[in-house]
């Protein structure tokens, strides 16, 4: 039986990635060990893992994660309050497939889309 999923995304700079997820998105670092080239962050019951890829060209990165939430307006406002850049094509809106969504790009252009069923 499947019970959880922890996406693994590329990062070029661990400090920059950690700072973005903690200060802009409200995550916390997960775990007590500091592994070289690896980072784990958590918010509520969600974990995202990152592996070091120093040669990554962000313009060629297609890493994506779809994250479901139960209070999208509050989450969206919390990101705006922290001056998190919302993706230019990803403002909060209702999609034809019955989801209310918005998106952000992290420093390595991993696309995070947040959605709630309406």
PDB file of N, CA and C in Angstrom:
ATOM      1  N   UNK A   1       0.844  -1.171   0.000  1.00  0.00           N
ATOM      2  CA  UNK A   1       0.000   0.000   0.000  1.00  0.00           C
ATOM      3  C   UNK A   1       0.897   1.244   0.000  1.00  0.00           C
ATOM      4  N   UNK A   2       0.604   2.177  -0.864  1.00  0.00           N
ATOM      5  CA  UNK A   2       1.340   3.435  -0.908  1.00  0.00           C
ATOM      6  C   UNK A   2       0.779   4.385   0.137  1.00  0.00           C
ATOM      7  N   UNK A   3       1.653   5.065   0.866  1.00  0.00           N
ATOM      8  CA  UNK A   3       1.162   5.938   1.931  1.00  0.00           C
ATOM      9  C   UNK A   3       1.681   7.366   1.852  1.00  0.00           C
ATOM     10  N   UNK A   4       2.716   7.632   1.058  1.00  0.00           N
ATOM     11  CA  UNK A   4       3.295   8.971   1.042  1.00  0.00           C
ATOM     12  C   UNK A   4       4.172   9.119  -0.187  1.00  0.00           C
ATOM     13  N   UNK A   5       4.486  10.357  -0.537  1.00  0.00           N
ATOM     14  CA  UNK A   5       5.422  10.629  -1.619  1.00  0.00           C
ATOM     15  C   UNK A   5       6.237  11.860  -1.243  1.00  0.00           C
ATOM     16  N   UNK A   6       7.524  11.781  -1.526  1.00  0.00           N
ATOM     17  CA  UNK A   6       8.434  12.893  -1.256  1.00  0.00           C
ATOM     18  C   UNK A   6       9.194  13.191  -2.536  1.00  0.00           C
ATOM     19  N   UNK A   7       8.763  14.194  -3.274  1.00  0.00           N
ATOM     20  CA  UNK A   7       9.455  14.500  -4.528  1.00  0.00           C
ATOM     21  C   UNK A   7      10.899  14.918  -4.276  1.00  0.00           C
ATOM     22  N   UNK A   8      11.762  14.585  -5.235  1.00  0.00           N
ATOM     23  CA  UNK A   8      13.168  14.973  -5.191  1.00  0.00           C
ATOM     24  C   UNK A   8      13.425  15.879  -6.386  1.00  0.00           C
ATOM     25  N   UNK A   9      13.849  17.110  -6.096  1.00  0.00           N
ATOM     26  CA  UNK A   9      14.058  18.115  -7.129  1.00  0.00           C
ATOM     27  C   UNK A   9      15.518  18.546  -7.151  1.00  0.00           C
ATOM     28  N   UNK A  10      15.994  19.013  -8.305  1.00  0.00           N
ATOM     29  CA  UNK A  10      17.381  19.479  -8.376  1.00  0.00           C
ATOM     30  C   UNK A  10      17.546  20.873  -7.774  1.00  0.00           C
ATOM     31  N   UNK A  11      18.745  21.108  -7.245  1.00  0.00           N
ATOM     32  CA  UNK A  11      19.098  22.436  -6.726  1.00  0.00           C
ATOM     33  C   UNK A  11      20.565  22.696  -7.076  1.00  0.00           C
ATOM     34  N   UNK A  12      20.869  23.958  -7.335  1.00  0.00           N
ATOM     35  CA  UNK A  12      22.259  24.328  -7.602  1.00  0.00           C
ATOM     36  C   UNK A  12      22.980  24.735  -6.329  1.00  0.00           C
ATOM     37  N   UNK A  13      22.272  25.410  -5.441  1.00  0.00           N
ATOM     38  CA  UNK A  13      22.897  25.972  -4.253  1.00  0.00           C
ATOM     39  C   UNK A  13      22.020  25.671  -3.042  1.00  0.00           C
ATOM     40  N   UNK A  14      22.530  24.855  -2.143  1.00  0.00           N
ATOM     41  CA  UNK A  14      21.755  24.407  -0.988  1.00  0.00           C
ATOM     42  C   UNK A  14      21.313  25.571  -0.103  1.00  0.00           C
ATOM     43  N   UNK A  15      22.197  26.529   0.145  1.00  0.00           N
ATOM     44  CA  UNK A  15      21.860  27.663   1.006  1.00  0.00           C
ATOM     45  C   UNK A  15      20.739  28.496   0.397  1.00  0.00           C
ATOM     46  N   UNK A  16      20.834  28.767  -0.896  1.00  0.00           N
ATOM     47  CA  UNK A  16      19.798  29.557  -1.564  1.00  0.00           C
ATOM     48  C   UNK A  16      18.462  28.823  -1.571  1.00  0.00           C
ATOM     49  N   UNK A  17      18.492  27.525  -1.845  1.00  0.00           N
ATOM     50  CA  UNK A  17      17.258  26.724  -1.849  1.00  0.00           C
ATOM     51  C   UNK A  17      16.650  26.687  -0.458  1.00  0.00           C
ATOM     52  N   UNK A  18      17.468  26.427   0.553  1.00  0.00           N
ATOM     53  CA  UNK A  18      16.984  26.390   1.942  1.00  0.00           C
ATOM     54  C   UNK A  18      16.339  27.730   2.321  1.00  0.00           C
ATOM     55  N   UNK A  19      17.014  28.819   2.024  1.00  0.00           N
ATOM     56  CA  UNK A  19      16.487  30.140   2.362  1.00  0.00           C
ATOM     57  C   UNK A  19      15.157  30.420   1.678  1.00  0.00           C
ATOM     58  N   UNK A  20      15.048  30.070   0.397  1.00  0.00           N
ATOM     59  CA  UNK A  20      13.807  30.305  -0.337  1.00  0.00           C
ATOM     60  C   UNK A  20      12.652  29.528   0.294  1.00  0.00           C
ATOM     61  N   UNK A  21      12.838  28.238   0.526  1.00  0.00           N
ATOM     62  CA  UNK A  21      11.748  27.413   1.037  1.00  0.00           C
ATOM     63  C   UNK A  21      11.376  27.780   2.476  1.00  0.00           C
ATOM     64  N   UNK A  22      12.346  28.177   3.272  1.00  0.00           N
ATOM     65  CA  UNK A  22      12.057  28.541   4.661  1.00  0.00           C
ATOM     66  C   UNK A  22      11.473  29.948   4.754  1.00  0.00           C
ATOM     67  N   UNK A  23      12.112  30.918   4.126  1.00  0.00           N
ATOM     68  CA  UNK A  23      11.702  32.313   4.305  1.00  0.00           C
ATOM     69  C   UNK A  23      10.581  32.766   3.369  1.00  0.00           C
ATOM     70  N   UNK A  24      10.482  32.186   2.188  1.00  0.00           N
ATOM     71  CA  UNK A  24       9.446  32.595   1.231  1.00  0.00           C
ATOM     72  C   UNK A  24       8.218  31.694   1.245  1.00  0.00           C
ATOM     73  N   UNK A  25       8.417  30.397   1.551  1.00  0.00           N
ATOM     74  CA  UNK A  25       7.289  29.470   1.487  1.00  0.00           C
ATOM     75  C   UNK A  25       6.876  28.915   2.845  1.00  0.00           C
ATOM     76  N   UNK A  26       7.641  29.212   3.895  1.00  0.00           N
ATOM     77  CA  UNK A  26       7.240  28.795   5.234  1.00  0.00           C
ATOM     78  C   UNK A  26       7.544  27.356   5.591  1.00  0.00           C
ATOM     79  N   UNK A  27       8.466  26.719   4.889  1.00  0.00           N
ATOM     80  CA  UNK A  27       8.880  25.359   5.223  1.00  0.00           C
ATOM     81  C   UNK A  27       9.881  25.414   6.378  1.00  0.00           C
ATOM     82  N   UNK A  28      10.177  24.244   6.940  1.00  0.00           N
ATOM     83  CA  UNK A  28      11.229  24.080   7.930  1.00  0.00           C
ATOM     84  C   UNK A  28      12.173  23.003   7.425  1.00  0.00           C
ATOM     85  N   UNK A  29      13.433  23.108   7.831  1.00  0.00           N
ATOM     86  CA  UNK A  29      14.358  22.047   7.460  1.00  0.00           C
ATOM     87  C   UNK A  29      13.976  20.784   8.218  1.00  0.00           C
ATOM     88  N   UNK A  30      14.048  19.645   7.541  1.00  0.00           N
ATOM     89  CA  UNK A  30      13.668  18.363   8.125  1.00  0.00           C
ATOM     90  C   UNK A  30      14.922  17.551   8.430  1.00  0.00           C
ATOM     91  N   UNK A  31      14.918  16.891   9.558  1.00  0.00           N
ATOM     92  CA  UNK A  31      16.037  16.030   9.930  1.00  0.00           C
ATOM     93  C   UNK A  31      17.091  16.782  10.716  1.00  0.00           C
ATOM     94  N   UNK A  32      17.916  16.024  11.407  1.00  0.00           N
ATOM     95  CA  UNK A  32      18.944  16.628  12.251  1.00  0.00           C
ATOM     96  C   UNK A  32      20.324  16.581  11.618  1.00  0.00           C
ATOM     97  N   UNK A  33      20.501  15.808  10.562  1.00  0.00           N
ATOM     98  CA  UNK A  33      21.805  15.702   9.905  1.00  0.00           C
ATOM     99  C   UNK A  33      21.870  16.664   8.721  1.00  0.00           C
ATOM    100  N   UNK A  34      23.040  17.202   8.481  1.00  0.00           N
ATOM    101  CA  UNK A  34      23.262  18.100   7.348  1.00  0.00           C
ATOM    102  C   UNK A  34      24.094  17.344   6.317  1.00  0.00           C
ATOM    103  N   UNK A  35      23.426  16.757   5.344  1.00  0.00           N
ATOM    104  CA  UNK A  35      24.097  15.959   4.319  1.00  0.00           C
ATOM    105  C   UNK A  35      24.618  16.864   3.213  1.00  0.00           C
ATOM    106  N   UNK A  36      25.849  16.666   2.838  1.00  0.00           N
ATOM    107  CA  UNK A  36      26.428  17.435   1.735  1.00  0.00           C
ATOM    108  C   UNK A  36      25.642  17.146   0.463  1.00  0.00           C
ATOM    109  N   UNK A  37      25.217  18.210  -0.221  1.00  0.00           N
ATOM    110  CA  UNK A  37      24.537  18.040  -1.500  1.00  0.00           C
ATOM    111  C   UNK A  37      23.111  17.522  -1.412  1.00  0.00           C
ATOM    112  N   UNK A  38      22.518  17.536  -0.231  1.00  0.00           N
ATOM    113  CA  UNK A  38      21.147  17.034  -0.087  1.00  0.00           C
ATOM    114  C   UNK A  38      20.424  17.886   0.948  1.00  0.00           C
ATOM    115  N   UNK A  39      19.148  18.163   0.688  1.00  0.00           N
ATOM    116  CA  UNK A  39      18.341  18.992   1.577  1.00  0.00           C
ATOM    117  C   UNK A  39      16.939  18.412   1.652  1.00  0.00           C
ATOM    118  N   UNK A  40      16.363  18.432   2.851  1.00  0.00           N
ATOM    119  CA  UNK A  40      14.982  18.007   3.052  1.00  0.00           C
ATOM    120  C   UNK A  40      14.255  19.127   3.795  1.00  0.00           C
ATOM    121  N   UNK A  41      13.103  19.530   3.273  1.00  0.00           N
ATOM    122  CA  UNK A  41      12.277  20.532   3.936  1.00  0.00           C
ATOM    123  C   UNK A  41      10.869  19.983   4.119  1.00  0.00           C
ATOM    124  N   UNK A  42      10.167  20.530   5.118  1.00  0.00           N
ATOM    125  CA  UNK A  42       8.828  20.048   5.426  1.00  0.00           C
ATOM    126  C   UNK A  42       7.937  21.218   5.800  1.00  0.00           C
ATOM    127  N   UNK A  43       6.663  21.120   5.375  1.00  0.00           N
ATOM    128  CA  UNK A  43       5.612  22.053   5.791  1.00  0.00           C
ATOM    129  C   UNK A  43       4.367  21.211   6.002  1.00  0.00           C
ATOM    130  N   UNK A  44       3.806  21.291   7.188  1.00  0.00           N
ATOM    131  CA  UNK A  44       2.673  20.449   7.556  1.00  0.00           C
ATOM    132  C   UNK A  44       3.073  18.985   7.333  1.00  0.00           C
ATOM    133  N   UNK A  45       2.331  18.217   6.539  1.00  0.00           N
ATOM    134  CA  UNK A  45       2.655  16.808   6.311  1.00  0.00           C
ATOM    135  C   UNK A  45       3.415  16.568   5.008  1.00  0.00           C
ATOM    136  N   UNK A  46       3.868  17.627   4.378  1.00  0.00           N
ATOM    137  CA  UNK A  46       4.520  17.528   3.073  1.00  0.00           C
ATOM    138  C   UNK A  46       6.028  17.698   3.204  1.00  0.00           C
ATOM    139  N   UNK A  47       6.769  16.792   2.578  1.00  0.00           N
ATOM    140  CA  UNK A  47       8.223  16.912   2.505  1.00  0.00           C
ATOM    141  C   UNK A  47       8.645  17.034   1.049  1.00  0.00           C
ATOM    142  N   UNK A  48       9.658  17.869   0.804  1.00  0.00           N
ATOM    143  CA  UNK A  48      10.300  17.937  -0.505  1.00  0.00           C
ATOM    144  C   UNK A  48      11.791  17.742  -0.265  1.00  0.00           C
ATOM    145  N   UNK A  49      12.399  16.893  -1.077  1.00  0.00           N
ATOM    146  CA  UNK A  49      13.828  16.630  -0.984  1.00  0.00           C
ATOM    147  C   UNK A  49      14.514  17.258  -2.194  1.00  0.00           C
ATOM    148  N   UNK A  50      15.773  17.640  -2.013  1.00  0.00           N
ATOM    149  CA  UNK A  50      16.554  18.264  -3.085  1.00  0.00           C
ATOM    150  C   UNK A  50      17.915  17.605  -3.172  1.00  0.00           C
ATOM    151  N   UNK A  51      18.370  17.403  -4.385  1.00  0.00           N
ATOM    152  CA  UNK A  51      19.708  16.875  -4.607  1.00  0.00           C
ATOM    153  C   UNK A  51      20.524  17.919  -5.355  1.00  0.00           C
ATOM    154  N   UNK A  52      21.805  17.974  -5.053  1.00  0.00           N
ATOM    155  CA  UNK A  52      22.680  18.964  -5.663  1.00  0.00           C
ATOM    156  C   UNK A  52      22.940  18.635  -7.134  1.00  0.00           C
ATOM    157  N   UNK A  53      22.778  19.649  -7.977  1.00  0.00           N
ATOM    158  CA  UNK A  53      23.042  19.542  -9.415  1.00  0.00           C
ATOM    159  C   UNK A  53      23.613  20.900  -9.830  1.00  0.00           C
ATOM    160  N   UNK A  54      24.889  21.094  -9.545  1.00  0.00           N
ATOM    161  CA  UNK A  54      25.532  22.402  -9.756  1.00  0.00           C
ATOM    162  C   UNK A  54      25.504  22.855 -11.210  1.00  0.00           C
ATOM    163  N   UNK A  55      25.487  21.917 -12.147  1.00  0.00           N
ATOM    164  CA  UNK A  55      25.515  22.265 -13.569  1.00  0.00           C
ATOM    165  C   UNK A  55      24.123  22.528 -14.139  1.00  0.00           C
ATOM    166  N   UNK A  56      23.111  22.477 -13.326  1.00  0.00           N
ATOM    167  CA  UNK A  56      21.736  22.681 -13.785  1.00  0.00           C
ATOM    168  C   UNK A  56      21.582  24.053 -14.436  1.00  0.00           C
ATOM    169  N   UNK A  57      20.996  24.077 -15.605  1.00  0.00           N
ATOM    170  CA  UNK A  57      20.619  25.327 -16.259  1.00  0.00           C
ATOM    171  C   UNK A  57      19.145  25.549 -15.934  1.00  0.00           C
ATOM    172  N   UNK A  58      18.819  26.525 -15.084  1.00  0.00           N
ATOM    173  CA  UNK A  58      17.420  26.712 -14.677  1.00  0.00           C
ATOM    174  C   UNK A  58      16.458  26.874 -15.846  1.00  0.00           C
ATOM    175  N   UNK A  59      16.931  27.449 -16.946  1.00  0.00           N
ATOM    176  CA  UNK A  59      16.042  27.640 -18.099  1.00  0.00           C
ATOM    177  C   UNK A  59      15.719  26.329 -18.801  1.00  0.00           C
ATOM    178  N   UNK A  60      16.447  25.266 -18.458  1.00  0.00           N
ATOM    179  CA  UNK A  60      16.193  23.947 -19.045  1.00  0.00           C
ATOM    180  C   UNK A  60      15.662  22.954 -18.010  1.00  0.00           C
ATOM    181  N   UNK A  61      15.294  23.449 -16.842  1.00  0.00           N
ATOM    182  CA  UNK A  61      14.786  22.588 -15.783  1.00  0.00           C
ATOM    183  C   UNK A  61      13.265  22.485 -15.892  1.00  0.00           C
ATOM    184  N   UNK A  62      12.780  21.256 -15.926  1.00  0.00           N
ATOM    185  CA  UNK A  62      11.344  21.020 -16.019  1.00  0.00           C
ATOM    186  C   UNK A  62      10.796  20.337 -14.761  1.00  0.00           C
ATOM    187  N   UNK A  63      11.526  20.476 -13.633  1.00  0.00           N
ATOM    188  CA  UNK A  63      11.039  19.906 -12.379  1.00  0.00           C
ATOM    189  C   UNK A  63       9.723  20.553 -11.987  1.00  0.00           C
ATOM    190  N   UNK A  64       8.754  19.714 -11.620  1.00  0.00           N
ATOM    191  CA  UNK A  64       7.428  20.226 -11.255  1.00  0.00           C
ATOM    192  C   UNK A  64       6.829  19.375 -10.143  1.00  0.00           C
ATOM    193  N   UNK A  65       6.094  20.040  -9.266  1.00  0.00           N
ATOM    194  CA  UNK A  65       5.355  19.350  -8.213  1.00  0.00           C
ATOM    195  C   UNK A  65       3.985  20.008  -8.105  1.00  0.00           C
ATOM    196  N   UNK A  66       2.946  19.187  -7.999  1.00  0.00           N
ATOM    197  CA  UNK A  66       1.593  19.692  -7.767  1.00  0.00           C
ATOM    198  C   UNK A  66       1.255  19.396  -6.315  1.00  0.00           C
ATOM    199  N   UNK A  67       0.934  20.436  -5.554  1.00  0.00           N
ATOM    200  CA  UNK A  67       0.692  20.309  -4.118  1.00  0.00           C
ATOM    201  C   UNK A  67      -0.749  20.709  -3.825  1.00  0.00           C
ATOM    202  N   UNK A  68      -1.497  19.794  -3.245  1.00  0.00           N
ATOM    203  CA  UNK A  68      -2.883  20.083  -2.882  1.00  0.00           C
ATOM    204  C   UNK A  68      -2.947  20.712  -1.496  1.00  0.00           C
ATOM    205  N   UNK A  69      -3.880  21.628  -1.340  1.00  0.00           N
ATOM    206  CA  UNK A  69      -4.077  22.317  -0.070  1.00  0.00           C
ATOM    207  C   UNK A  69      -5.570  22.383   0.237  1.00  0.00           C
ATOM    208  N   UNK A  70      -5.895  22.678   1.486  1.00  0.00           N
ATOM    209  CA  UNK A  70      -7.310  22.808   1.851  1.00  0.00           C
ATOM    210  C   UNK A  70      -7.678  24.253   2.187  1.00  0.00           C
ATOM    211  N   UNK A  71      -6.736  25.193   1.985  1.00  0.00           N
ATOM    212  CA  UNK A  71      -7.050  26.606   2.203  1.00  0.00           C
ATOM    213  C   UNK A  71      -6.165  27.448   1.286  1.00  0.00           C
ATOM    214  N   UNK A  72      -6.479  27.416   0.005  1.00  0.00           N
ATOM    215  CA  UNK A  72      -5.610  28.048  -0.988  1.00  0.00           C
ATOM    216  C   UNK A  72      -5.530  29.558  -0.851  1.00  0.00           C
ATOM    217  N   UNK A  73      -6.623  30.195  -0.492  1.00  0.00           N
ATOM    218  CA  UNK A  73      -6.587  31.658  -0.349  1.00  0.00           C
ATOM    219  C   UNK A  73      -5.624  32.087   0.757  1.00  0.00           C
ATOM    220  N   UNK A  74      -5.670  31.402   1.887  1.00  0.00           N
ATOM    221  CA  UNK A  74      -4.772  31.730   3.000  1.00  0.00           C
ATOM    222  C   UNK A  74      -3.316  31.471   2.621  1.00  0.00           C
ATOM    223  N   UNK A  75      -3.044  30.364   1.945  1.00  0.00           N
ATOM    224  CA  UNK A  75      -1.685  30.052   1.512  1.00  0.00           C
ATOM    225  C   UNK A  75      -1.175  31.089   0.525  1.00  0.00           C
ATOM    226  N   UNK A  76      -2.002  31.427  -0.441  1.00  0.00           N
ATOM    227  CA  UNK A  76      -1.646  32.442  -1.439  1.00  0.00           C
ATOM    228  C   UNK A  76      -1.330  33.777  -0.768  1.00  0.00           C
ATOM    229  N   UNK A  77      -2.176  34.198   0.156  1.00  0.00           N
ATOM    230  CA  UNK A  77      -1.955  35.460   0.853  1.00  0.00           C
ATOM    231  C   UNK A  77      -0.682  35.412   1.692  1.00  0.00           C
ATOM    232  N   UNK A  78      -0.394  34.276   2.318  1.00  0.00           N
ATOM    233  CA  UNK A  78       0.831  34.173   3.118  1.00  0.00           C
ATOM    234  C   UNK A  78       2.070  34.331   2.244  1.00  0.00           C
ATOM    235  N   UNK A  79       2.023  33.803   1.010  1.00  0.00           N
ATOM    236  CA  UNK A  79       3.147  33.970   0.085  1.00  0.00           C
ATOM    237  C   UNK A  79       3.268  35.430  -0.339  1.00  0.00           C
ATOM    238  N   UNK A  80       2.151  36.072  -0.616  1.00  0.00           N
ATOM    239  CA  UNK A  80       2.182  37.492  -0.986  1.00  0.00           C
ATOM    240  C   UNK A  80       2.735  38.329   0.162  1.00  0.00           C
ATOM    241  N   UNK A  81       2.344  38.004   1.389  1.00  0.00           N
ATOM    242  CA  UNK A  81       2.830  38.741   2.554  1.00  0.00           C
ATOM    243  C   UNK A  81       4.344  38.627   2.711  1.00  0.00           C
ATOM    244  N   UNK A  82       4.900  37.484   2.273  1.00  0.00           N
ATOM    245  CA  UNK A  82       6.356  37.275   2.348  1.00  0.00           C
ATOM    246  C   UNK A  82       7.062  37.755   1.087  1.00  0.00           C
ATOM    247  N   UNK A  83       6.292  38.430   0.221  1.00  0.00           N
ATOM    248  CA  UNK A  83       6.827  38.960  -1.039  1.00  0.00           C
ATOM    249  C   UNK A  83       7.424  37.858  -1.923  1.00  0.00           C
ATOM    250  N   UNK A  84       6.766  36.695  -1.913  1.00  0.00           N
ATOM    251  CA  UNK A  84       7.147  35.587  -2.783  1.00  0.00           C
ATOM    252  C   UNK A  84       6.642  35.885  -4.183  1.00  0.00           C
ATOM    253  N   UNK A  85       7.504  35.768  -5.161  1.00  0.00           N
ATOM    254  CA  UNK A  85       7.104  36.016  -6.547  1.00  0.00           C
ATOM    255  C   UNK A  85       6.197  34.897  -7.035  1.00  0.00           C
ATOM    256  N   UNK A  86       5.008  35.261  -7.441  1.00  0.00           N
ATOM    257  CA  UNK A  86       4.069  34.311  -8.047  1.00  0.00           C
ATOM    258  C   UNK A  86       4.433  34.218  -9.529  1.00  0.00           C
ATOM    259  N   UNK A  87       4.354  33.022 -10.077  1.00  0.00           N
ATOM    260  CA  UNK A  87       4.679  32.832 -11.498  1.00  0.00           C
ATOM    261  C   UNK A  87       3.822  33.782 -12.337  1.00  0.00           C
ATOM    262  N   UNK A  88       4.417  34.451 -13.346  1.00  0.00           N
ATOM    263  CA  UNK A  88       3.646  35.415 -14.156  1.00  0.00           C
ATOM    264  C   UNK A  88       2.389  34.823 -14.785  1.00  0.00           C
ATOM    265  N   UNK A  89       2.413  33.534 -15.110  1.00  0.00           N
ATOM    266  CA  UNK A  89       1.233  32.876 -15.679  1.00  0.00           C
ATOM    267  C   UNK A  89       0.503  32.034 -14.640  1.00  0.00           C
ATOM    268  N   UNK A  90       0.834  32.225 -13.371  1.00  0.00           N
ATOM    269  CA  UNK A  90       0.293  31.357 -12.339  1.00  0.00           C
ATOM    270  C   UNK A  90      -0.411  32.065 -11.213  1.00  0.00           C
ATOM    271  N   UNK A  91      -1.041  33.197 -11.492  1.00  0.00           N
ATOM    272  CA  UNK A  91      -1.811  33.898 -10.459  1.00  0.00           C
ATOM    273  C   UNK A  91      -2.971  33.006 -10.001  1.00  0.00           C
ATOM    274  N   UNK A  92      -3.458  33.246  -8.820  1.00  0.00           N
ATOM    275  CA  UNK A  92      -4.572  32.474  -8.267  1.00  0.00           C
ATOM    276  C   UNK A  92      -5.782  32.596  -9.184  1.00  0.00           C
ATOM    277  N   UNK A  93      -6.256  31.448  -9.650  1.00  0.00           N
ATOM    278  CA  UNK A  93      -7.417  31.444 -10.544  1.00  0.00           C
ATOM    279  C   UNK A  93      -8.087  30.081 -10.547  1.00  0.00           C
ATOM    280  N   UNK A  94      -9.335  30.076 -10.977  1.00  0.00           N
ATOM    281  CA  UNK A  94     -10.086  28.829 -11.115  1.00  0.00           C
ATOM    282  C   UNK A  94      -9.817  28.265 -12.503  1.00  0.00           C
ATOM    283  N   UNK A  95      -9.434  26.998 -12.535  1.00  0.00           N
ATOM    284  CA  UNK A  95      -9.105  26.320 -13.784  1.00  0.00           C
ATOM    285  C   UNK A  95     -10.313  25.525 -14.285  1.00  0.00           C
ATOM    286  N   UNK A  96     -10.371  25.253 -15.598  1.00  0.00           N
ATOM    287  CA  UNK A  96     -11.503  24.516 -16.159  1.00  0.00           C
ATOM    288  C   UNK A  96     -11.668  23.115 -15.583  1.00  0.00           C
ATOM    289  N   UNK A  97     -10.612  22.559 -15.010  1.00  0.00           N
ATOM    290  CA  UNK A  97     -10.679  21.195 -14.475  1.00  0.00           C
ATOM    291  C   UNK A  97     -11.124  21.163 -13.007  1.00  0.00           C
ATOM    292  N   UNK A  98     -11.673  22.285 -12.515  1.00  0.00           N
ATOM    293  CA  UNK A  98     -12.287  22.295 -11.193  1.00  0.00           C
ATOM    294  C   UNK A  98     -11.320  22.494 -10.043  1.00  0.00           C
ATOM    295  N   UNK A  99     -10.182  23.098 -10.314  1.00  0.00           N
ATOM    296  CA  UNK A  99      -9.213  23.405  -9.275  1.00  0.00           C
ATOM    297  C   UNK A  99      -8.998  24.915  -9.214  1.00  0.00           C
ATOM    298  N   UNK A 100      -8.781  25.427  -8.025  1.00  0.00           N
ATOM    299  CA  UNK A 100      -8.321  26.797  -7.833  1.00  0.00           C
ATOM    300  C   UNK A 100      -6.826  26.668  -7.598  1.00  0.00           C
ATOM    301  N   UNK A 101      -6.006  27.355  -8.417  1.00  0.00           N
ATOM    302  CA  UNK A 101      -4.569  27.121  -8.413  1.00  0.00           C
ATOM    303  C   UNK A 101      -3.757  28.407  -8.499  1.00  0.00           C
ATOM    304  N   UNK A 102      -2.499  28.300  -8.070  1.00  0.00           N
ATOM    305  CA  UNK A 102      -1.471  29.299  -8.357  1.00  0.00           C
ATOM    306  C   UNK A 102      -0.127  28.590  -8.368  1.00  0.00           C
ATOM    307  N   UNK A 103       0.885  29.253  -8.925  1.00  0.00           N
ATOM    308  CA  UNK A 103       2.199  28.626  -9.082  1.00  0.00           C
ATOM    309  C   UNK A 103       3.322  29.586  -8.733  1.00  0.00           C
ATOM    310  N   UNK A 104       4.429  29.015  -8.275  1.00  0.00           N
ATOM    311  CA  UNK A 104       5.662  29.764  -8.047  1.00  0.00           C
ATOM    312  C   UNK A 104       6.823  28.965  -8.626  1.00  0.00           C
ATOM    313  N   UNK A 105       7.886  29.684  -8.964  1.00  0.00           N
ATOM    314  CA  UNK A 105       9.138  29.053  -9.386  1.00  0.00           C
ATOM    315  C   UNK A 105      10.151  29.234  -8.269  1.00  0.00           C
ATOM    316  N   UNK A 106      10.867  28.170  -7.940  1.00  0.00           N
ATOM    317  CA  UNK A 106      11.936  28.315  -6.953  1.00  0.00           C
ATOM    318  C   UNK A 106      13.203  28.822  -7.651  1.00  0.00           C
ATOM    319  N   UNK A 107      14.290  29.037  -6.927  1.00  0.00           N
ATOM    320  CA  UNK A 107      15.491  29.611  -7.541  1.00  0.00           C
ATOM    321  C   UNK A 107      16.062  28.801  -8.703  1.00  0.00           C
ATOM    322  N   UNK A 108      15.733  27.527  -8.781  1.00  0.00           N
ATOM    323  CA  UNK A 108      16.229  26.666  -9.864  1.00  0.00           C
ATOM    324  C   UNK A 108      15.181  26.385 -10.929  1.00  0.00           C
ATOM    325  N   UNK A 109      14.082  27.116 -10.856  1.00  0.00           N
ATOM    326  CA  UNK A 109      12.953  27.019 -11.787  1.00  0.00           C
ATOM    327  C   UNK A 109      12.192  25.701 -11.671  1.00  0.00           C
ATOM    328  N   UNK A 110      12.217  25.092 -10.493  1.00  0.00           N
ATOM    329  CA  UNK A 110      11.279  24.008 -10.217  1.00  0.00           C
ATOM    330  C   UNK A 110       9.921  24.668 -10.042  1.00  0.00           C
ATOM    331  N   UNK A 111       8.919  24.190 -10.774  1.00  0.00           N
ATOM    332  CA  UNK A 111       7.589  24.778 -10.725  1.00  0.00           C
ATOM    333  C   UNK A 111       6.767  24.101  -9.629  1.00  0.00           C
ATOM    334  N   UNK A 112       6.285  24.911  -8.694  1.00  0.00           N
ATOM    335  CA  UNK A 112       5.409  24.415  -7.628  1.00  0.00           C
ATOM    336  C   UNK A 112       4.028  24.973  -7.882  1.00  0.00           C
ATOM    337  N   UNK A 113       3.075  24.096  -8.156  1.00  0.00           N
ATOM    338  CA  UNK A 113       1.693  24.512  -8.358  1.00  0.00           C
ATOM    339  C   UNK A 113       0.895  24.053  -7.155  1.00  0.00           C
ATOM    340  N   UNK A 114       0.151  24.970  -6.557  1.00  0.00           N
ATOM    341  CA  UNK A 114      -0.674  24.695  -5.402  1.00  0.00           C
ATOM    342  C   UNK A 114      -2.131  24.709  -5.857  1.00  0.00           C
ATOM    343  N   UNK A 115      -2.902  23.702  -5.461  1.00  0.00           N
ATOM    344  CA  UNK A 115      -4.276  23.626  -5.918  1.00  0.00           C
ATOM    345  C   UNK A 115      -5.234  23.127  -4.850  1.00  0.00           C
ATOM    346  N   UNK A 116      -6.482  23.570  -5.003  1.00  0.00           N
ATOM    347  CA  UNK A 116      -7.569  23.135  -4.130  1.00  0.00           C
ATOM    348  C   UNK A 116      -8.789  22.857  -4.980  1.00  0.00           C
ATOM    349  N   UNK A 117      -9.437  21.736  -4.732  1.00  0.00           N
ATOM    350  CA  UNK A 117     -10.676  21.421  -5.439  1.00  0.00           C
ATOM    351  C   UNK A 117     -11.751  22.408  -5.051  1.00  0.00           C
ATOM    352  N   UNK A 118     -12.571  22.808  -6.050  1.00  0.00           N
ATOM    353  CA  UNK A 118     -13.669  23.732  -5.743  1.00  0.00           C
ATOM    354  C   UNK A 118     -14.989  23.025  -5.856  1.00  0.00           C
TER     355      UNK A 118
END
